[in-house]
Amino acid sequence: MLRKLVPTVIGYLLGNELQPVSPQNRLPTEPKPANADRLLASDTPVDNNANRDILGNTAADQPTLSDCLQYHTLLWTLFKIGADSINYEILARAVDFSGAPLDAGWRQIATGTITGAANTWHRIVITETNELYYDQYRIRVQSGGTADVSQRSVIVGVRR
């Protein structure tokens, strides 16, 4: 025995209103764009060089991250492999349309020390309290002890 299929009313919420679905008003299939992007993934040894960034660059003028103006917060997730602490300094600057810095040097955003046993996870939230946005960031890391420490980092930029 064959049964006849009877269409049922389905819909979706748009704001606070139920939107009916029909051939003329289909379900939304576009995924909502994410408001976060992975900007960096690195695996770098940390030594006593005060100019080394998390990519291993030692040139003081070299940015770790560029084109960051759209991000209001950066989430730095770090896995510390060695037992010694890691000192960090986060610097930022704005650039003009050609990519040249607006001023010489960097503005210090944050400093700190990552402590804890070997093989531990850490998260640092990088945000400017004055609601300022920057084009470039430099994240310098230095071993807080005598031994080199390895670190694995992922940085995610969050848009408003």
C-alpha atoms as a PDB file:
ATOM      1  CA  MET A   1       0.000   0.000   0.000  1.00  0.00           C
ATOM      2  CA  LEU A   2       1.390   3.370  -1.049  1.00  0.00           C
ATOM      3  CA  ARG A   3       1.030   6.407   1.148  1.00  0.00           C
ATOM      4  CA  LYS A   4       0.778   9.940  -0.023  1.00  0.00           C
ATOM      5  CA  LEU A   5       3.399  12.281   1.375  1.00  0.00           C
ATOM      6  CA  VAL A   6       1.907  15.382   2.892  1.00  0.00           C
ATOM      7  CA  PRO A   7       4.170  18.405   3.111  1.00  0.00           C
ATOM      8  CA  THR A   8       4.576  19.876   6.551  1.00  0.00           C
ATOM      9  CA  VAL A   9       5.342  23.428   7.475  1.00  0.00           C
ATOM     10  CA  ILE A  10       8.910  23.992   8.510  1.00  0.00           C
ATOM     11  CA  GLY A  11      10.753  27.208   9.096  1.00  0.00           C
ATOM     12  CA  TYR A  12      13.702  28.849  10.716  1.00  0.00           C
ATOM     13  CA  LEU A  13      14.215  31.709  13.113  1.00  0.00           C
ATOM     14  CA  LEU A  14      15.477  34.979  11.716  1.00  0.00           C
ATOM     15  CA  GLY A  15      15.925  37.344  14.608  1.00  0.00           C
ATOM     16  CA  ASN A  16      12.816  36.766  16.728  1.00  0.00           C
ATOM     17  CA  GLU A  17      10.517  35.824  13.837  1.00  0.00           C
ATOM     18  CA  LEU A  18       9.727  32.404  12.407  1.00  0.00           C
ATOM     19  CA  GLN A  19      10.347  32.404   8.650  1.00  0.00           C
ATOM     20  CA  PRO A  20       8.336  29.825   6.675  1.00  0.00           C
ATOM     21  CA  VAL A  21      10.140  27.705   4.103  1.00  0.00           C
ATOM     22  CA  SER A  22       8.725  27.334   0.605  1.00  0.00           C
ATOM     23  CA  PRO A  23      10.137  26.978  -2.911  1.00  0.00           C
ATOM     24  CA  GLN A  24      10.204  30.777  -3.079  1.00  0.00           C
ATOM     25  CA  ASN A  25      11.671  31.237   0.445  1.00  0.00           C
ATOM     26  CA  ARG A  26      14.313  28.544   0.848  1.00  0.00           C
ATOM     27  CA  LEU A  27      16.359  27.653   3.897  1.00  0.00           C
ATOM     28  CA  PRO A  28      19.465  29.777   4.262  1.00  0.00           C
ATOM     29  CA  THR A  29      22.371  27.590   3.190  1.00  0.00           C
ATOM     30  CA  GLU A  30      25.206  30.101   3.349  1.00  0.00           C
ATOM     31  CA  PRO A  31      27.384  29.412   6.362  1.00  0.00           C
ATOM     32  CA  LYS A  32      27.786  32.325   8.707  1.00  0.00           C
ATOM     33  CA  PRO A  33      31.251  33.795   8.266  1.00  0.00           C
ATOM     34  CA  ALA A  34      33.560  33.121  11.179  1.00  0.00           C
ATOM     35  CA  ASN A  35      34.669  36.117  13.179  1.00  0.00           C
ATOM     36  CA  ALA A  36      38.118  34.649  13.829  1.00  0.00           C
ATOM     37  CA  ASP A  37      41.092  33.695  11.660  1.00  0.00           C
ATOM     38  CA  ARG A  38      44.194  31.646  12.392  1.00  0.00           C
ATOM     39  CA  LEU A  39      47.066  34.047  11.791  1.00  0.00           C
ATOM     40  CA  LEU A  40      50.107  32.052  12.847  1.00  0.00           C
ATOM     41  CA  ALA A  41      51.277  28.597  13.831  1.00  0.00           C
ATOM     42  CA  SER A  42      54.914  28.167  14.859  1.00  0.00           C
ATOM     43  CA  ASP A  43      57.292  25.817  16.627  1.00  0.00           C
ATOM     44  CA  THR A  44      60.335  27.756  17.815  1.00  0.00           C
ATOM     45  CA  PRO A  45      63.130  27.323  20.341  1.00  0.00           C
ATOM     46  CA  VAL A  46      63.413  30.171  22.841  1.00  0.00           C
ATOM     47  CA  ASP A  47      66.903  31.183  23.942  1.00  0.00           C
ATOM     48  CA  ASN A  48      68.483  34.184  25.677  1.00  0.00           C
ATOM     49  CA  ASN A  49      68.334  36.435  22.582  1.00  0.00           C
ATOM     50  CA  ALA A  50      66.114  39.362  23.626  1.00  0.00           C
ATOM     51  CA  ASN A  51      65.226  40.192  19.999  1.00  0.00           C
ATOM     52  CA  ARG A  52      63.936  36.739  18.949  1.00  0.00           C
ATOM     53  CA  ASP A  53      60.230  36.618  18.091  1.00  0.00           C
ATOM     54  CA  ILE A  54      57.992  33.538  18.097  1.00  0.00           C
ATOM     55  CA  LEU A  55      58.868  32.884  14.445  1.00  0.00           C
ATOM     56  CA  GLY A  56      62.592  32.875  15.212  1.00  0.00           C
ATOM     57  CA  ASN A  57      63.278  36.273  13.585  1.00  0.00           C
ATOM     58  CA  THR A  58      65.887  38.402  15.352  1.00  0.00           C
ATOM     59  CA  ALA A  59      65.667  41.574  13.222  1.00  0.00           C
ATOM     60  CA  ALA A  60      64.208  44.199  15.572  1.00  0.00           C
ATOM     61  CA  ASP A  61      62.154  45.890  12.844  1.00  0.00           C
ATOM     62  CA  GLN A  62      60.606  42.655  11.469  1.00  0.00           C
ATOM     63  CA  PRO A  63      56.918  42.176  12.426  1.00  0.00           C
ATOM     64  CA  THR A  64      55.679  38.813  13.659  1.00  0.00           C
ATOM     65  CA  LEU A  65      52.163  39.529  12.348  1.00  0.00           C
ATOM     66  CA  SER A  66      51.031  41.954   9.633  1.00  0.00           C
ATOM     67  CA  ASP A  67      47.659  43.104   8.239  1.00  0.00           C
ATOM     68  CA  CYS A  68      46.002  42.885  11.667  1.00  0.00           C
ATOM     69  CA  LEU A  69      43.970  46.110  11.598  1.00  0.00           C
ATOM     70  CA  GLN A  70      40.643  44.237  11.424  1.00  0.00           C
ATOM     71  CA  TYR A  71      41.282  42.299  14.660  1.00  0.00           C
ATOM     72  CA  HIS A  72      40.391  43.764  18.041  1.00  0.00           C
ATOM     73  CA  THR A  73      41.831  40.818  19.982  1.00  0.00           C
ATOM     74  CA  LEU A  74      44.562  38.282  19.364  1.00  0.00           C
ATOM     75  CA  LEU A  75      44.453  34.950  21.211  1.00  0.00           C
ATOM     76  CA  TRP A  76      47.908  33.454  21.681  1.00  0.00           C
ATOM     77  CA  THR A  77      47.822  29.784  22.672  1.00  0.00           C
ATOM     78  CA  LEU A  78      51.231  28.452  23.635  1.00  0.00           C
ATOM     79  CA  PHE A  79      52.524  25.011  24.557  1.00  0.00           C
ATOM     80  CA  LYS A  80      55.699  25.318  26.654  1.00  0.00           C
ATOM     81  CA  ILE A  81      57.918  22.264  26.278  1.00  0.00           C
ATOM     82  CA  GLY A  82      60.794  23.118  28.664  1.00  0.00           C
ATOM     83  CA  ALA A  83      60.640  23.766  32.397  1.00  0.00           C
ATOM     84  CA  ASP A  84      62.255  27.243  32.381  1.00  0.00           C
ATOM     85  CA  SER A  85      60.029  30.303  32.234  1.00  0.00           C
ATOM     86  CA  ILE A  86      59.541  32.357  29.056  1.00  0.00           C
ATOM     87  CA  ASN A  87      59.598  36.159  29.164  1.00  0.00           C
ATOM     88  CA  TYR A  88      57.530  37.833  26.454  1.00  0.00           C
ATOM     89  CA  GLU A  89      57.003  41.340  25.150  1.00  0.00           C
ATOM     90  CA  ILE A  90      54.208  42.279  22.753  1.00  0.00           C
ATOM     91  CA  LEU A  91      54.841  45.307  20.566  1.00  0.00           C
ATOM     92  CA  ALA A  92      52.573  46.986  17.996  1.00  0.00           C
ATOM     93  CA  ARG A  93      52.638  49.726  15.391  1.00  0.00           C
ATOM     94  CA  ALA A  94      50.531  51.293  12.668  1.00  0.00           C
ATOM     95  CA  VAL A  95      51.635  51.525   9.038  1.00  0.00           C
ATOM     96  CA  ASP A  96      50.661  53.724   6.111  1.00  0.00           C
ATOM     97  CA  PHE A  97      49.093  52.555   2.831  1.00  0.00           C
ATOM     98  CA  SER A  98      52.472  51.538   1.433  1.00  0.00           C
ATOM     99  CA  GLY A  99      53.250  49.391   4.509  1.00  0.00           C
ATOM    100  CA  ALA A 100      55.836  51.747   5.984  1.00  0.00           C
ATOM    101  CA  PRO A 101      55.611  52.326   9.770  1.00  0.00           C
ATOM    102  CA  LEU A 102      54.039  55.651  10.751  1.00  0.00           C
ATOM    103  CA  ASP A 103      56.685  56.182  13.417  1.00  0.00           C
ATOM    104  CA  ALA A 104      60.074  54.730  14.245  1.00  0.00           C
ATOM    105  CA  GLY A 105      60.022  51.869  16.699  1.00  0.00           C
ATOM    106  CA  TRP A 106      57.220  49.930  18.371  1.00  0.00           C
ATOM    107  CA  ARG A 107      54.607  50.652  21.048  1.00  0.00           C
ATOM    108  CA  GLN A 108      54.699  48.206  23.955  1.00  0.00           C
ATOM    109  CA  ILE A 109      51.293  46.557  24.464  1.00  0.00           C
ATOM    110  CA  ALA A 110      52.125  43.954  27.138  1.00  0.00           C
ATOM    111  CA  THR A 111      54.945  42.144  28.889  1.00  0.00           C
ATOM    112  CA  GLY A 112      54.942  39.142  31.147  1.00  0.00           C
ATOM    113  CA  THR A 113      56.431  35.824  32.118  1.00  0.00           C
ATOM    114  CA  ILE A 114      55.036  32.409  31.265  1.00  0.00           C
ATOM    115  CA  THR A 115      55.800  30.050  34.129  1.00  0.00           C
ATOM    116  CA  GLY A 116      54.857  26.502  34.939  1.00  0.00           C
ATOM    117  CA  ALA A 117      56.121  22.999  34.523  1.00  0.00           C
ATOM    118  CA  ALA A 118      57.313  21.566  31.232  1.00  0.00           C
ATOM    119  CA  ASN A 119      54.643  20.443  28.752  1.00  0.00           C
ATOM    120  CA  THR A 120      51.952  22.901  29.837  1.00  0.00           C
ATOM    121  CA  TRP A 121      49.422  24.971  27.889  1.00  0.00           C
ATOM    122  CA  HIS A 122      49.073  28.738  28.282  1.00  0.00           C
ATOM    123  CA  ARG A 123      46.796  31.370  26.742  1.00  0.00           C
ATOM    124  CA  ILE A 124      47.508  35.067  26.468  1.00  0.00           C
ATOM    125  CA  VAL A 125      44.820  37.502  25.343  1.00  0.00           C
ATOM    126  CA  ILE A 126      46.299  40.434  23.445  1.00  0.00           C
ATOM    127  CA  THR A 127      44.006  43.424  23.327  1.00  0.00           C
ATOM    128  CA  GLU A 128      44.504  47.154  23.593  1.00  0.00           C
ATOM    129  CA  THR A 129      42.594  48.708  26.462  1.00  0.00           C
ATOM    130  CA  ASN A 130      42.261  52.060  24.644  1.00  0.00           C
ATOM    131  CA  GLU A 131      40.310  50.432  21.770  1.00  0.00           C
ATOM    132  CA  LEU A 132      43.246  51.044  19.418  1.00  0.00           C
ATOM    133  CA  TYR A 133      43.902  48.731  16.498  1.00  0.00           C
ATOM    134  CA  TYR A 134      47.325  48.062  15.007  1.00  0.00           C
ATOM    135  CA  ASP A 135      48.539  46.862  11.615  1.00  0.00           C
ATOM    136  CA  GLN A 136      51.601  44.987  12.828  1.00  0.00           C
ATOM    137  CA  TYR A 137      52.632  43.143  15.974  1.00  0.00           C
ATOM    138  CA  ARG A 138      55.995  41.836  17.126  1.00  0.00           C
ATOM    139  CA  ILE A 139      55.947  39.154  19.836  1.00  0.00           C
ATOM    140  CA  ARG A 140      59.381  38.714  21.377  1.00  0.00           C
ATOM    141  CA  VAL A 141      60.219  35.749  23.583  1.00  0.00           C
ATOM    142  CA  GLN A 142      63.281  35.065  25.721  1.00  0.00           C
ATOM    143  CA  SER A 143      64.178  32.201  28.035  1.00  0.00           C
ATOM    144  CA  GLY A 144      63.848  33.204  31.680  1.00  0.00           C
ATOM    145  CA  GLY A 145      66.516  30.716  32.748  1.00  0.00           C
ATOM    146  CA  THR A 146      69.778  29.318  31.458  1.00  0.00           C
ATOM    147  CA  ALA A 147      68.338  26.548  29.279  1.00  0.00           C
ATOM    148  CA  ASP A 148      66.650  26.920  25.910  1.00  0.00           C
ATOM    149  CA  VAL A 149      62.918  26.262  25.950  1.00  0.00           C
ATOM    150  CA  SER A 150      60.846  25.101  22.995  1.00  0.00           C
ATOM    151  CA  GLN A 151      57.403  26.539  22.436  1.00  0.00           C
ATOM    152  CA  ARG A 152      54.576  25.881  20.014  1.00  0.00           C
ATOM    153  CA  SER A 153      52.282  28.793  19.309  1.00  0.00           C
ATOM    154  CA  VAL A 154      49.013  29.432  17.537  1.00  0.00           C
ATOM    155  CA  ILE A 155      47.613  32.947  17.249  1.00  0.00           C
ATOM    156  CA  VAL A 156      43.999  33.593  16.296  1.00  0.00           C
ATOM    157  CA  GLY A 157      42.712  37.066  15.377  1.00  0.00           C
ATOM    158  CA  VAL A 158      39.161  37.940  16.491  1.00  0.00           C
ATOM    159  CA  ARG A 159      37.101  40.521  14.576  1.00  0.00           C
ATOM    160  CA  ARG A 160      34.198  42.515  15.968  1.00  0.00           C
END
